């Protein structure tokens, strides 16, 4: 299957092909063919709640759990899991509402990723170049605060999409089981620069 509209996965043929392509994926998030009825029910609920979602494009991509691409209005799906689909549709609903919000979030996420990459070299450079302890700690505290502000929009969006997913999921317990660890992974990754800059005050 190449690219298909979301509405096509409410049909038995669409679901069957989804199961065939992804049932063998080795992932904590993949529930294989057993989850296909829940996927169908999830998509039915989502389309009932917002019929405009029916034409969102879905690309089956084994190896990529899930992603939403605002510029293409498309979801990449690599697991059979109704909670993952609901989460990505949550992003779609949020980012479709405002192009300005979508652009701001994209910029914030890109800068946050650069901050993640630069945090350790920046901390080590500050430790090496700034000899005065008070000045050094003040700079590290400023960078800590800036990192917190940079991570906030992305984490808020992830939380919003997860809450929406739990709301629409056929099984709320299953959704929490799936999305809880995923959100914690986002939180830990986004918080890394904060830990690095604070650690720099004590080494």
Protein backbone atom coordinates (compact mmCIF):
# COMPACT_ATOMS: atom_id res chain seq x y z
CA UNK A 1 0.00 0.00 0.00
CA UNK A 2 1.35 3.43 -0.89
CA UNK A 3 -0.60 6.39 0.45
CA UNK A 4 -4.21 5.89 1.43
CA UNK A 5 -6.87 8.15 2.96
CA UNK A 6 -7.77 7.56 6.59
CA UNK A 7 -11.37 6.69 5.66
CA UNK A 8 -10.14 3.66 3.70
CA UNK A 9 -9.08 1.97 6.95
CA UNK A 10 -12.68 1.61 8.02
CA UNK A 11 -13.10 -1.03 5.31
CA UNK A 12 -12.23 -4.69 5.82
CA UNK A 13 -9.89 -4.67 2.84
CA UNK A 14 -7.99 -1.64 4.11
CA UNK A 15 -7.64 -3.14 7.57
CA UNK A 16 -6.53 -6.48 6.15
CA UNK A 17 -3.73 -4.86 4.18
CA UNK A 18 -2.69 -2.83 7.22
CA UNK A 19 -2.45 -6.04 9.24
CA UNK A 20 -0.55 -7.85 6.49
CA UNK A 21 2.05 -5.09 6.17
CA UNK A 22 2.59 -4.48 9.88
CA UNK A 23 1.73 -7.65 11.77
CA UNK A 24 5.37 -8.78 11.78
CA UNK A 25 6.83 -5.51 13.06
CA UNK A 26 8.86 -6.07 16.24
CA UNK A 27 7.90 -3.23 18.57
CA UNK A 28 6.54 -2.60 22.05
CA UNK A 29 3.81 -0.54 20.37
CA UNK A 30 2.77 -3.11 17.76
CA UNK A 31 -0.25 -5.26 18.61
CA UNK A 32 -0.53 -7.00 15.25
CA UNK A 33 -3.70 -8.35 13.73
CA UNK A 34 -5.47 -8.69 17.08
CA UNK A 35 -5.79 -4.90 17.28
CA UNK A 36 -7.41 -4.43 13.84
CA UNK A 37 -11.02 -4.36 15.17
CA UNK A 38 -9.96 -1.69 17.69
CA UNK A 39 -8.26 0.29 14.94
CA UNK A 40 -11.47 0.22 12.92
CA UNK A 41 -13.51 1.33 15.95
CA UNK A 42 -11.01 4.10 16.75
CA UNK A 43 -11.11 5.51 13.24
CA UNK A 44 -14.91 5.29 13.22
CA UNK A 45 -15.04 7.32 16.45
CA UNK A 46 -12.58 9.89 15.16
CA UNK A 47 -14.45 10.40 11.88
CA UNK A 48 -17.75 10.60 13.71
CA UNK A 49 -16.27 13.32 15.94
CA UNK A 50 -14.60 15.20 13.05
CA UNK A 51 -15.55 14.10 9.50
CA UNK A 52 -12.89 16.42 8.05
CA UNK A 53 -10.24 13.89 9.10
CA UNK A 54 -11.41 11.39 6.47
CA UNK A 55 -8.99 12.63 3.80
CA UNK A 56 -5.85 12.71 5.94
CA UNK A 57 -3.24 10.69 4.07
CA UNK A 58 -1.78 7.61 5.74
CA UNK A 59 1.53 6.09 4.65
CA UNK A 60 2.42 2.66 6.03
CA UNK A 61 6.04 2.81 7.13
CA UNK A 62 7.29 -0.26 9.05
CA UNK A 63 9.99 0.84 11.47
CA UNK A 64 8.49 4.26 12.25
CA UNK A 65 5.93 4.01 15.05
CA UNK A 66 3.94 7.04 14.05
CA UNK A 67 4.28 10.66 12.98
CA UNK A 68 2.17 13.50 11.63
CA UNK A 69 3.57 15.81 8.94
CA UNK A 70 1.60 19.09 8.84
CA UNK A 71 2.97 20.26 5.48
CA UNK A 72 1.77 17.06 3.80
CA UNK A 73 -1.29 16.58 6.03
CA UNK A 74 -0.16 12.98 6.30
CA UNK A 75 0.37 10.34 8.98
CA UNK A 76 3.18 7.81 8.88
CA UNK A 77 2.10 4.59 10.58
CA UNK A 78 4.41 1.70 11.40
CA UNK A 79 2.47 -0.22 14.05
CA UNK A 80 -1.04 -1.61 14.45
CA UNK A 81 -2.08 0.20 17.59
CA UNK A 82 -5.25 2.29 17.95
CA UNK A 83 -3.64 4.53 20.57
CA UNK A 84 -0.74 5.44 18.28
CA UNK A 85 -3.17 6.31 15.48
CA UNK A 86 -5.33 8.36 17.87
CA UNK A 87 -2.23 10.20 19.12
CA UNK A 88 -1.16 11.19 15.61
CA UNK A 89 -4.70 12.25 14.78
CA UNK A 90 -4.60 14.38 17.92
CA UNK A 91 -1.59 16.19 16.44
CA UNK A 92 -3.43 16.53 13.14
CA UNK A 93 -6.45 18.13 14.79
CA UNK A 94 -4.29 20.55 16.78
CA UNK A 95 -2.00 21.59 13.94
CA UNK A 96 -4.77 21.87 11.37
CA UNK A 97 -6.53 24.51 13.47
CA UNK A 98 -3.87 27.20 13.01
CA UNK A 99 -1.00 27.55 10.56
CA UNK A 100 0.60 30.08 12.89
CA UNK A 101 0.54 27.61 15.78
CA UNK A 102 1.98 24.93 13.50
CA UNK A 103 4.86 27.19 12.44
CA UNK A 104 5.60 28.34 15.99
CA UNK A 105 5.65 24.75 17.21
CA UNK A 106 7.92 23.70 14.35
CA UNK A 107 10.41 26.48 15.10
CA UNK A 108 10.37 25.76 18.84
CA UNK A 109 10.93 22.04 18.26
CA UNK A 110 13.78 22.67 15.81
CA UNK A 111 15.54 25.06 18.22
CA UNK A 112 14.97 22.62 21.09
CA UNK A 113 16.62 19.84 19.06
CA UNK A 114 19.62 22.10 18.39
CA UNK A 115 19.79 22.88 22.11
CA UNK A 116 19.81 19.14 22.89
CA UNK A 117 22.77 18.67 20.55
CA UNK A 118 24.67 21.72 21.82
CA UNK A 119 24.02 21.35 25.56
CA UNK A 120 27.04 19.23 26.51
CA UNK A 121 29.61 21.15 24.39
CA UNK A 122 28.15 24.47 25.60
CA UNK A 123 28.31 23.42 29.25
CA UNK A 124 31.90 22.22 28.90
CA UNK A 125 32.91 25.42 27.13
CA UNK A 126 31.34 27.52 29.87
CA UNK A 127 33.11 25.45 32.52
CA UNK A 128 36.42 25.99 30.69
CA UNK A 129 36.13 29.64 29.70
CA UNK A 130 34.26 31.22 32.63
CA UNK A 131 36.47 31.02 35.69
CA UNK A 132 34.29 32.99 38.09
CA UNK A 133 31.91 30.52 39.77
CA UNK A 134 29.04 32.96 40.34
CA UNK A 135 29.11 34.23 36.76
CA UNK A 136 29.37 30.69 35.42
CA UNK A 137 26.41 29.50 37.49
CA UNK A 138 24.34 32.50 36.46
CA UNK A 139 24.92 31.71 32.78
CA UNK A 140 24.07 28.05 33.34
CA UNK A 141 20.86 29.04 35.16
CA UNK A 142 19.89 31.30 32.25
CA UNK A 143 20.46 28.44 29.82
CA UNK A 144 18.41 26.15 32.08
CA UNK A 145 15.48 28.58 31.99
CA UNK A 146 15.77 29.04 28.23
CA UNK A 147 15.81 25.24 27.78
CA UNK A 148 12.64 24.90 29.86
CA UNK A 149 10.88 27.49 27.70
CA UNK A 150 12.03 25.78 24.51
CA UNK A 151 10.81 22.35 25.58
CA UNK A 152 7.43 23.55 26.85
CA UNK A 153 5.56 23.93 23.50
CA UNK A 154 6.55 20.49 22.24
CA UNK A 155 5.71 18.76 25.50
CA UNK A 156 2.38 20.59 25.73
CA UNK A 157 1.53 19.40 22.22
CA UNK A 158 2.52 15.81 23.03
CA UNK A 159 0.39 15.87 26.18
CA UNK A 160 -2.58 17.35 24.31
CA UNK A 161 -2.39 14.68 21.59
CA UNK A 162 -2.10 11.93 24.20
CA UNK A 163 -5.09 13.20 26.20
CA UNK A 164 -7.14 13.35 23.01
CA UNK A 165 -6.02 9.81 22.14
CA UNK A 166 -7.13 8.46 25.51
CA UNK A 167 -10.47 10.21 25.07
CA UNK A 168 -11.15 8.48 21.73
CA UNK A 169 -9.45 5.13 22.36
CA UNK A 170 -11.67 2.01 22.46
CA UNK A 171 -9.72 1.00 25.60
CA UNK A 172 -8.55 3.86 27.81
CA UNK A 173 -6.36 1.52 29.87
CA UNK A 174 -4.62 0.27 26.74
CA UNK A 175 -4.11 3.86 25.59
CA UNK A 176 -2.53 4.90 28.89
CA UNK A 177 -0.31 1.80 28.82
CA UNK A 178 0.89 2.71 25.33
CA UNK A 179 1.14 6.49 25.55
CA UNK A 180 2.40 6.86 29.13
CA UNK A 181 5.89 5.44 28.41
CA UNK A 182 6.02 7.32 25.09
CA UNK A 183 5.31 10.63 26.83
CA UNK A 184 7.90 9.91 29.52
CA UNK A 185 10.44 9.27 26.75
CA UNK A 186 9.60 12.69 25.24
CA UNK A 187 9.89 14.30 28.68
CA UNK A 188 13.27 12.75 29.45
CA UNK A 189 14.67 13.62 26.03
CA UNK A 190 13.40 17.21 26.16
CA UNK A 191 14.70 17.68 29.72
CA UNK A 192 18.23 16.54 28.92
CA UNK A 193 19.70 20.07 28.44
CA UNK A 194 18.24 21.17 31.79
CA UNK A 195 20.03 18.31 33.52
CA UNK A 196 23.25 19.04 31.65
CA UNK A 197 23.31 22.75 32.52
CA UNK A 198 22.49 22.09 36.19
CA UNK A 199 25.08 19.32 36.33
CA UNK A 200 27.61 21.83 35.01
CA UNK A 201 27.25 23.80 38.24
CA UNK A 202 28.48 20.92 40.37
CA UNK A 203 31.35 19.28 38.51
